[in-house]
All heavy atoms as atom14 arrays in JSON, in Angstrom:
{
  "sequence": "CVYGHHVSMDAALLLRSAGFNARALAGGFEGGEEEVDNM",
  "atom14_mask": [
    [1, 1, 1, 1, 1, 1, 0, 0, 0, 0, 0, 0, 0, 0],
    [1, 1, 1, 1, 1, 1, 1, 0, 0, 0, 0, 0, 0, 0],
    [1, 1, 1, 1, 1, 1, 1, 1, 1, 1, 1, 1, 0, 0],
    [1, 1, 1, 1, 0, 0, 0, 0, 0, 0, 0, 0, 0, 0],
    [1, 1, 1, 1, 1, 1, 1, 1, 1, 1, 0, 0, 0, 0],
    [1, 1, 1, 1, 1, 1, 1, 1, 1, 1, 0, 0, 0, 0],
    [1, 1, 1, 1, 1, 1, 1, 0, 0, 0, 0, 0, 0, 0],
    [1, 1, 1, 1, 1, 1, 0, 0, 0, 0, 0, 0, 0, 0],
    [1, 1, 1, 1, 1, 1, 1, 1, 0, 0, 0, 0, 0, 0],
    [1, 1, 1, 1, 1, 1, 1, 1, 0, 0, 0, 0, 0, 0],
    [1, 1, 1, 1, 1, 0, 0, 0, 0, 0, 0, 0, 0, 0],
    [1, 1, 1, 1, 1, 0, 0, 0, 0, 0, 0, 0, 0, 0],
    [1, 1, 1, 1, 1, 1, 1, 1, 0, 0, 0, 0, 0, 0],
    [1, 1, 1, 1, 1, 1, 1, 1, 0, 0, 0, 0, 0, 0],
    [1, 1, 1, 1, 1, 1, 1, 1, 0, 0, 0, 0, 0, 0],
    [1, 1, 1, 1, 1, 1, 1, 1, 1, 1, 1, 0, 0, 0],
    [1, 1, 1, 1, 1, 1, 0, 0, 0, 0, 0, 0, 0, 0],
    [1, 1, 1, 1, 1, 0, 0, 0, 0, 0, 0, 0, 0, 0],
    [1, 1, 1, 1, 0, 0, 0, 0, 0, 0, 0, 0, 0, 0],
    [1, 1, 1, 1, 1, 1, 1, 1, 1, 1, 1, 0, 0, 0],
    [1, 1, 1, 1, 1, 1, 1, 1, 0, 0, 0, 0, 0, 0],
    [1, 1, 1, 1, 1, 0, 0, 0, 0, 0, 0, 0, 0, 0],
    [1, 1, 1, 1, 1, 1, 1, 1, 1, 1, 1, 0, 0, 0],
    [1, 1, 1, 1, 1, 0, 0, 0, 0, 0, 0, 0, 0, 0],
    [1, 1, 1, 1, 1, 1, 1, 1, 0, 0, 0, 0, 0, 0],
    [1, 1, 1, 1, 1, 0, 0, 0, 0, 0, 0, 0, 0, 0],
    [1, 1, 1, 1, 0, 0, 0, 0, 0, 0, 0, 0, 0, 0],
    [1, 1, 1, 1, 0, 0, 0, 0, 0, 0, 0, 0, 0, 0],
    [1, 1, 1, 1, 1, 1, 1, 1, 1, 1, 1, 0, 0, 0],
    [1, 1, 1, 1, 1, 1, 1, 1, 1, 0, 0, 0, 0, 0],
    [1, 1, 1, 1, 0, 0, 0, 0, 0, 0, 0, 0, 0, 0],
    [1, 1, 1, 1, 0, 0, 0, 0, 0, 0, 0, 0, 0, 0],
    [1, 1, 1, 1, 1, 1, 1, 1, 1, 0, 0, 0, 0, 0],
    [1, 1, 1, 1, 1, 1, 1, 1, 1, 0, 0, 0, 0, 0],
    [1, 1, 1, 1, 1, 1, 1, 1, 1, 0, 0, 0, 0, 0],
    [1, 1, 1, 1, 1, 1, 1, 0, 0, 0, 0, 0, 0, 0],
    [1, 1, 1, 1, 1, 1, 1, 1, 0, 0, 0, 0, 0, 0],
    [1, 1, 1, 1, 1, 1, 1, 1, 0, 0, 0, 0, 0, 0],
    [1, 1, 1, 1, 1, 1, 1, 1, 0, 0, 0, 0, 0, 0]
  ],
  "atom14_positions": [
    [[118.64, 122.85, 102.13], [118.27, 121.96, 101.04], [116.88, 122.42, 100.55], [116.51, 123.57, 100.76], [118.29, 120.49, 101.48], [117.14, 120.09, 102.81], [0.0, 0.0, 0.0], [0.0, 0.0, 0.0], [0.0, 0.0, 0.0], [0.0, 0.0, 0.0], [0.0, 0.0, 0.0], [0.0, 0.0, 0.0], [0.0, 0.0, 0.0], [0.0, 0.0, 0.0]],
    [[116.12, 121.55, 99.94], [114.83, 121.94, 99.38], [113.83, 122.33, 100.46], [113.28, 123.4, 100.47], [114.27, 120.85, 98.45], [112.92, 121.27, 97.88], [115.24, 120.54, 97.33], [0.0, 0.0, 0.0], [0.0, 0.0, 0.0], [0.0, 0.0, 0.0], [0.0, 0.0, 0.0], [0.0, 0.0, 0.0], [0.0, 0.0, 0.0], [0.0, 0.0, 0.0]],
    [[113.61, 121.4, 101.43], [112.58, 121.59, 102.43], [113.1, 121.69, 103.85], [112.3, 121.78, 104.8], [111.53, 120.49, 102.36], [110.84, 120.41, 101.03], [110.99, 119.3, 100.2], [109.99, 121.43, 100.6], [110.34, 119.21, 99.0], [109.35, 121.37, 99.37], [109.5, 120.24, 98.57], [108.88, 120.16, 97.35], [0.0, 0.0, 0.0], [0.0, 0.0, 0.0]],
    [[114.39, 121.59, 104.05], [114.93, 121.69, 105.42], [114.83, 120.39, 106.18], [114.75, 120.42, 107.42], [0.0, 0.0, 0.0], [0.0, 0.0, 0.0], [0.0, 0.0, 0.0], [0.0, 0.0, 0.0], [0.0, 0.0, 0.0], [0.0, 0.0, 0.0], [0.0, 0.0, 0.0], [0.0, 0.0, 0.0], [0.0, 0.0, 0.0], [0.0, 0.0, 0.0]],
    [[114.88, 119.29, 105.48], [114.79, 118.0, 106.16], [116.17, 117.35, 106.26], [117.13, 118.02, 106.64], [113.77, 117.09, 105.43], [112.39, 117.65, 105.46], [111.5, 117.44, 104.45], [111.72, 118.42, 106.36], [110.37, 118.05, 104.71], [110.44, 118.66, 105.88], [0.0, 0.0, 0.0], [0.0, 0.0, 0.0], [0.0, 0.0, 0.0], [0.0, 0.0, 0.0]],
    [[116.25, 116.12, 105.89], [117.48, 115.34, 106.18], [118.73, 115.8, 105.45], [119.83, 115.68, 106.01], [117.21, 113.85, 105.92], [116.26, 113.3, 106.9], [116.58, 113.06, 108.21], [114.93, 112.98, 106.79], [115.53, 112.61, 108.84], [114.49, 112.56, 108.02], [0.0, 0.0, 0.0], [0.0, 0.0, 0.0], [0.0, 0.0, 0.0], [0.0, 0.0, 0.0]],
    [[118.67, 116.28, 104.24], [119.87, 116.62, 103.53], [120.62, 117.77, 104.22], [121.82, 117.66, 104.54], [119.58, 116.99, 102.03], [120.85, 117.49, 101.34], [118.96, 115.83, 101.3], [0.0, 0.0, 0.0], [0.0, 0.0, 0.0], [0.0, 0.0, 0.0], [0.0, 0.0, 0.0], [0.0, 0.0, 0.0], [0.0, 0.0, 0.0], [0.0, 0.0, 0.0]],
    [[119.91, 118.84, 104.55], [120.55, 119.98, 105.21], [120.89, 119.62, 106.67], [121.92, 120.04, 107.2], [119.72, 121.24, 105.12], [118.44, 121.04, 105.71], [0.0, 0.0, 0.0], [0.0, 0.0, 0.0], [0.0, 0.0, 0.0], [0.0, 0.0, 0.0], [0.0, 0.0, 0.0], [0.0, 0.0, 0.0], [0.0, 0.0, 0.0], [0.0, 0.0, 0.0]],
    [[120.01, 118.86, 107.31], [120.28, 118.47, 108.7], [121.52, 117.58, 108.77], [122.38, 117.82, 109.63], [119.05, 117.7, 109.25], [119.18, 117.36, 110.71], [117.79, 116.42, 111.3], [118.11, 114.82, 110.53], [0.0, 0.0, 0.0], [0.0, 0.0, 0.0], [0.0, 0.0, 0.0], [0.0, 0.0, 0.0], [0.0, 0.0, 0.0], [0.0, 0.0, 0.0]],
    [[121.62, 116.6, 107.89], [122.8, 115.73, 107.88], [124.07, 116.52, 107.58], [125.13, 116.28, 108.16], [122.62, 114.61, 106.87], [121.61, 113.55, 107.32], [121.22, 113.57, 108.51], [121.18, 112.75, 106.5], [0.0, 0.0, 0.0], [0.0, 0.0, 0.0], [0.0, 0.0, 0.0], [0.0, 0.0, 0.0], [0.0, 0.0, 0.0], [0.0, 0.0, 0.0]],
    [[123.96, 117.5, 106.66], [125.14, 118.34, 106.34], [125.56, 119.14, 107.57], [126.75, 119.24, 107.89], [124.82, 119.26, 105.18], [0.0, 0.0, 0.0], [0.0, 0.0, 0.0], [0.0, 0.0, 0.0], [0.0, 0.0, 0.0], [0.0, 0.0, 0.0], [0.0, 0.0, 0.0], [0.0, 0.0, 0.0], [0.0, 0.0, 0.0], [0.0, 0.0, 0.0]],
    [[124.59, 119.72, 108.28], [124.92, 120.5, 109.49], [125.56, 119.61, 110.57], [126.5, 120.0, 111.22], [123.67, 121.22, 110.03], [0.0, 0.0, 0.0], [0.0, 0.0, 0.0], [0.0, 0.0, 0.0], [0.0, 0.0, 0.0], [0.0, 0.0, 0.0], [0.0, 0.0, 0.0], [0.0, 0.0, 0.0], [0.0, 0.0, 0.0], [0.0, 0.0, 0.0]],
    [[125.02, 118.42, 110.74], [125.59, 117.48, 111.71], [127.01, 117.09, 111.31], [127.89, 116.99, 112.19], [124.7, 116.27, 111.83], [123.38, 116.51, 112.56], [122.45, 115.29, 112.42], [123.62, 116.81, 114.03], [0.0, 0.0, 0.0], [0.0, 0.0, 0.0], [0.0, 0.0, 0.0], [0.0, 0.0, 0.0], [0.0, 0.0, 0.0], [0.0, 0.0, 0.0]],
    [[127.26, 116.84, 110.03], [128.63, 116.5, 109.61], [129.57, 117.67, 109.9], [130.66, 117.46, 110.4], [128.64, 116.18, 108.09], [129.97, 115.7, 107.56], [129.77, 114.68, 106.45], [130.81, 116.86, 107.02], [0.0, 0.0, 0.0], [0.0, 0.0, 0.0], [0.0, 0.0, 0.0], [0.0, 0.0, 0.0], [0.0, 0.0, 0.0], [0.0, 0.0, 0.0]],
    [[129.13, 118.88, 109.6], [129.97, 120.05, 109.85], [130.2, 120.24, 111.36], [131.31, 120.59, 111.78], [129.33, 121.29, 109.23], [129.38, 121.32, 107.71], [128.42, 122.37, 107.17], [130.78, 121.54, 107.2], [0.0, 0.0, 0.0], [0.0, 0.0, 0.0], [0.0, 0.0, 0.0], [0.0, 0.0, 0.0], [0.0, 0.0, 0.0], [0.0, 0.0, 0.0]],
    [[129.2, 120.01, 112.16], [129.37, 120.09, 113.62], [130.4, 119.05, 114.11], [131.21, 119.36, 114.95], [128.04, 119.87, 114.32], [127.12, 121.05, 114.32], [125.86, 120.8, 115.07], [125.11, 122.04, 115.18], [124.16, 122.24, 116.08], [123.83, 121.29, 116.94], [123.51, 123.41, 116.11], [0.0, 0.0, 0.0], [0.0, 0.0, 0.0], [0.0, 0.0, 0.0]],
    [[130.34, 117.86, 113.54], [131.28, 116.83, 113.95], [132.72, 117.21, 113.56], [133.67, 116.71, 114.15], [130.89, 115.46, 113.38], [131.12, 115.39, 112.0], [0.0, 0.0, 0.0], [0.0, 0.0, 0.0], [0.0, 0.0, 0.0], [0.0, 0.0, 0.0], [0.0, 0.0, 0.0], [0.0, 0.0, 0.0], [0.0, 0.0, 0.0], [0.0, 0.0, 0.0]],
    [[132.86, 118.08, 112.56], [134.18, 118.55, 112.14], [134.6, 119.76, 112.92], [135.7, 120.32, 112.71], [134.17, 118.88, 110.64], [0.0, 0.0, 0.0], [0.0, 0.0, 0.0], [0.0, 0.0, 0.0], [0.0, 0.0, 0.0], [0.0, 0.0, 0.0], [0.0, 0.0, 0.0], [0.0, 0.0, 0.0], [0.0, 0.0, 0.0], [0.0, 0.0, 0.0]],
    [[133.77, 120.25, 113.85], [134.15, 121.34, 114.72], [133.55, 122.69, 114.39], [133.88, 123.69, 114.98], [0.0, 0.0, 0.0], [0.0, 0.0, 0.0], [0.0, 0.0, 0.0], [0.0, 0.0, 0.0], [0.0, 0.0, 0.0], [0.0, 0.0, 0.0], [0.0, 0.0, 0.0], [0.0, 0.0, 0.0], [0.0, 0.0, 0.0], [0.0, 0.0, 0.0]],
    [[132.63, 122.74, 113.41], [132.03, 124.0, 113.03], [130.76, 124.28, 113.82], [130.06, 123.36, 114.26], [131.66, 124.01, 111.55], [132.82, 124.06, 110.62], [133.34, 122.91, 110.05], [133.47, 125.26, 110.35], [134.42, 122.96, 109.23], [134.58, 125.31, 109.53], [135.03, 124.16, 108.97], [0.0, 0.0, 0.0], [0.0, 0.0, 0.0], [0.0, 0.0, 0.0]],
    [[130.43, 125.55, 113.97], [129.11, 126.0, 114.44], [128.22, 126.0, 113.22], [128.25, 126.93, 112.42], [129.2, 127.39, 115.06], [127.87, 127.9, 115.49], [126.87, 127.19, 115.56], [127.82, 129.2, 115.79], [0.0, 0.0, 0.0], [0.0, 0.0, 0.0], [0.0, 0.0, 0.0], [0.0, 0.0, 0.0], [0.0, 0.0, 0.0], [0.0, 0.0, 0.0]],
    [[127.47, 124.91, 113.04], [126.64, 124.75, 111.84], [125.19, 124.5, 112.21], [124.91, 123.82, 113.19], [127.18, 123.62, 110.99], [0.0, 0.0, 0.0], [0.0, 0.0, 0.0], [0.0, 0.0, 0.0], [0.0, 0.0, 0.0], [0.0, 0.0, 0.0], [0.0, 0.0, 0.0], [0.0, 0.0, 0.0], [0.0, 0.0, 0.0], [0.0, 0.0, 0.0]],
    [[124.32, 125.08, 111.43], [122.87, 124.88, 111.59], [122.24, 124.69, 110.21], [122.82, 125.09, 109.2], [122.22, 126.04, 112.3], [122.72, 126.15, 113.74], [121.85, 127.11, 114.57], [122.24, 128.5, 114.3], [121.57, 129.53, 114.77], [120.47, 129.37, 115.5], [121.96, 130.76, 114.51], [0.0, 0.0, 0.0], [0.0, 0.0, 0.0], [0.0, 0.0, 0.0]],
    [[121.07, 124.1, 110.21], [120.29, 123.93, 108.98], [119.18, 124.97, 108.97], [118.62, 125.31, 110.02], [119.72, 122.54, 108.92], [0.0, 0.0, 0.0], [0.0, 0.0, 0.0], [0.0, 0.0, 0.0], [0.0, 0.0, 0.0], [0.0, 0.0, 0.0], [0.0, 0.0, 0.0], [0.0, 0.0, 0.0], [0.0, 0.0, 0.0], [0.0, 0.0, 0.0]],
    [[118.84, 125.43, 107.8], [117.76, 126.4, 107.63], [116.42, 125.68, 107.78], [116.1, 124.82, 106.97], [117.85, 127.1, 106.3], [116.75, 128.1, 105.95], [116.72, 129.27, 106.96], [116.92, 128.62, 104.5], [0.0, 0.0, 0.0], [0.0, 0.0, 0.0], [0.0, 0.0, 0.0], [0.0, 0.0, 0.0], [0.0, 0.0, 0.0], [0.0, 0.0, 0.0]],
    [[115.66, 126.07, 108.8], [114.32, 125.49, 109.01], [113.45, 125.81, 107.8], [113.37, 126.96, 107.35], [113.69, 126.05, 110.28], [0.0, 0.0, 0.0], [0.0, 0.0, 0.0], [0.0, 0.0, 0.0], [0.0, 0.0, 0.0], [0.0, 0.0, 0.0], [0.0, 0.0, 0.0], [0.0, 0.0, 0.0], [0.0, 0.0, 0.0], [0.0, 0.0, 0.0]],
    [[112.84, 124.81, 107.23], [111.97, 125.0, 106.06], [112.72, 124.95, 104.74], [112.1, 124.89, 103.69], [0.0, 0.0, 0.0], [0.0, 0.0, 0.0], [0.0, 0.0, 0.0], [0.0, 0.0, 0.0], [0.0, 0.0, 0.0], [0.0, 0.0, 0.0], [0.0, 0.0, 0.0], [0.0, 0.0, 0.0], [0.0, 0.0, 0.0], [0.0, 0.0, 0.0]],
    [[114.05, 125.03, 104.77], [114.84, 124.96, 103.55], [114.55, 126.08, 102.55], [113.99, 127.13, 102.92], [0.0, 0.0, 0.0], [0.0, 0.0, 0.0], [0.0, 0.0, 0.0], [0.0, 0.0, 0.0], [0.0, 0.0, 0.0], [0.0, 0.0, 0.0], [0.0, 0.0, 0.0], [0.0, 0.0, 0.0], [0.0, 0.0, 0.0], [0.0, 0.0, 0.0]],
    [[114.9, 125.85, 101.31], [114.77, 126.83, 100.24], [113.3, 127.12, 99.94], [112.94, 128.23, 99.62], [115.47, 126.29, 99.01], [115.58, 127.29, 97.88], [116.54, 128.29, 97.95], [114.77, 127.23, 96.76], [116.67, 129.22, 96.91], [114.89, 128.16, 95.74], [115.84, 129.14, 95.81], [0.0, 0.0, 0.0], [0.0, 0.0, 0.0], [0.0, 0.0, 0.0]],
    [[112.42, 126.11, 100.07], [111.02, 126.25, 99.71], [110.13, 126.67, 100.86], [108.95, 126.93, 100.66], [110.49, 124.92, 99.11], [111.19, 124.5, 97.82], [110.9, 125.43, 96.66], [109.78, 126.02, 96.62], [111.77, 125.56, 95.78], [0.0, 0.0, 0.0], [0.0, 0.0, 0.0], [0.0, 0.0, 0.0], [0.0, 0.0, 0.0], [0.0, 0.0, 0.0]],
    [[110.65, 126.71, 102.09], [109.85, 127.08, 103.21], [108.97, 125.95, 103.76], [107.86, 126.18, 104.23], [0.0, 0.0, 0.0], [0.0, 0.0, 0.0], [0.0, 0.0, 0.0], [0.0, 0.0, 0.0], [0.0, 0.0, 0.0], [0.0, 0.0, 0.0], [0.0, 0.0, 0.0], [0.0, 0.0, 0.0], [0.0, 0.0, 0.0], [0.0, 0.0, 0.0]],
    [[109.46, 124.75, 103.69], [108.76, 123.59, 104.2], [108.02, 122.82, 103.13], [107.91, 123.28, 101.97], [0.0, 0.0, 0.0], [0.0, 0.0, 0.0], [0.0, 0.0, 0.0], [0.0, 0.0, 0.0], [0.0, 0.0, 0.0], [0.0, 0.0, 0.0], [0.0, 0.0, 0.0], [0.0, 0.0, 0.0], [0.0, 0.0, 0.0], [0.0, 0.0, 0.0]],
    [[107.51, 121.68, 103.52], [106.85, 120.77, 102.58], [105.45, 120.48, 103.07], [105.26, 119.96, 104.19], [107.62, 119.49, 102.43], [107.09, 118.5, 101.44], [107.97, 117.31, 101.27], [108.86, 117.06, 102.1], [107.71, 116.54, 100.31], [0.0, 0.0, 0.0], [0.0, 0.0, 0.0], [0.0, 0.0, 0.0], [0.0, 0.0, 0.0], [0.0, 0.0, 0.0]],
    [[104.43, 120.84, 102.29], [103.05, 120.61, 102.66], [102.82, 119.1, 102.84], [103.42, 118.29, 102.15], [102.12, 121.19, 101.62], [102.22, 122.73, 101.63], [101.3, 123.41, 100.63], [100.32, 122.82, 100.21], [101.65, 124.57, 100.27], [0.0, 0.0, 0.0], [0.0, 0.0, 0.0], [0.0, 0.0, 0.0], [0.0, 0.0, 0.0], [0.0, 0.0, 0.0]],
    [[101.96, 118.77, 103.77], [101.61, 117.39, 104.14], [102.77, 116.65, 104.82], [102.65, 115.46, 105.08], [101.08, 116.6, 102.95], [99.8, 117.2, 102.4], [99.17, 116.39, 101.29], [99.47, 115.18, 101.18], [98.36, 116.97, 100.55], [0.0, 0.0, 0.0], [0.0, 0.0, 0.0], [0.0, 0.0, 0.0], [0.0, 0.0, 0.0], [0.0, 0.0, 0.0]],
    [[103.87, 117.33, 105.09], [104.98, 116.73, 105.84], [105.23, 117.62, 107.07], [105.27, 117.13, 108.19], [106.25, 116.61, 104.98], [107.42, 116.16, 105.83], [106.02, 115.67, 103.81], [0.0, 0.0, 0.0], [0.0, 0.0, 0.0], [0.0, 0.0, 0.0], [0.0, 0.0, 0.0], [0.0, 0.0, 0.0], [0.0, 0.0, 0.0], [0.0, 0.0, 0.0]],
    [[105.42, 118.9, 106.83], [105.67, 119.83, 107.91], [104.38, 120.42, 108.47], [103.36, 120.49, 107.78], [106.58, 120.99, 107.41], [107.98, 120.5, 107.06], [108.6, 119.82, 107.92], [108.44, 120.79, 105.96], [0.0, 0.0, 0.0], [0.0, 0.0, 0.0], [0.0, 0.0, 0.0], [0.0, 0.0, 0.0], [0.0, 0.0, 0.0], [0.0, 0.0, 0.0]],
    [[104.44, 120.89, 109.68], [103.32, 121.52, 110.36], [102.96, 122.8, 109.6], [103.83, 123.61, 109.25], [103.75, 121.84, 111.8], [102.74, 122.62, 112.56], [102.46, 123.78, 112.28], [102.19, 121.99, 113.58], [0.0, 0.0, 0.0], [0.0, 0.0, 0.0], [0.0, 0.0, 0.0], [0.0, 0.0, 0.0], [0.0, 0.0, 0.0], [0.0, 0.0, 0.0]],
    [[101.67, 122.96, 109.32], [101.21, 124.14, 108.51], [101.54, 125.46, 109.19], [101.84, 126.44, 108.49], [99.7, 124.04, 108.25], [99.32, 122.9, 107.31], [100.22, 122.93, 105.72], [99.54, 124.37, 104.97], [0.0, 0.0, 0.0], [0.0, 0.0, 0.0], [0.0, 0.0, 0.0], [0.0, 0.0, 0.0], [0.0, 0.0, 0.0], [0.0, 0.0, 0.0]]
  ]
}
């Protein structure tokens, strides 16, 4: 997703519950979000 937070995490969890080997991209498309993620 944009920053690798809940949207991509929830998607990966949904796919895992359906039987897939799924992971979310840490940092998302933008490489994290300033003032939210660790610098």
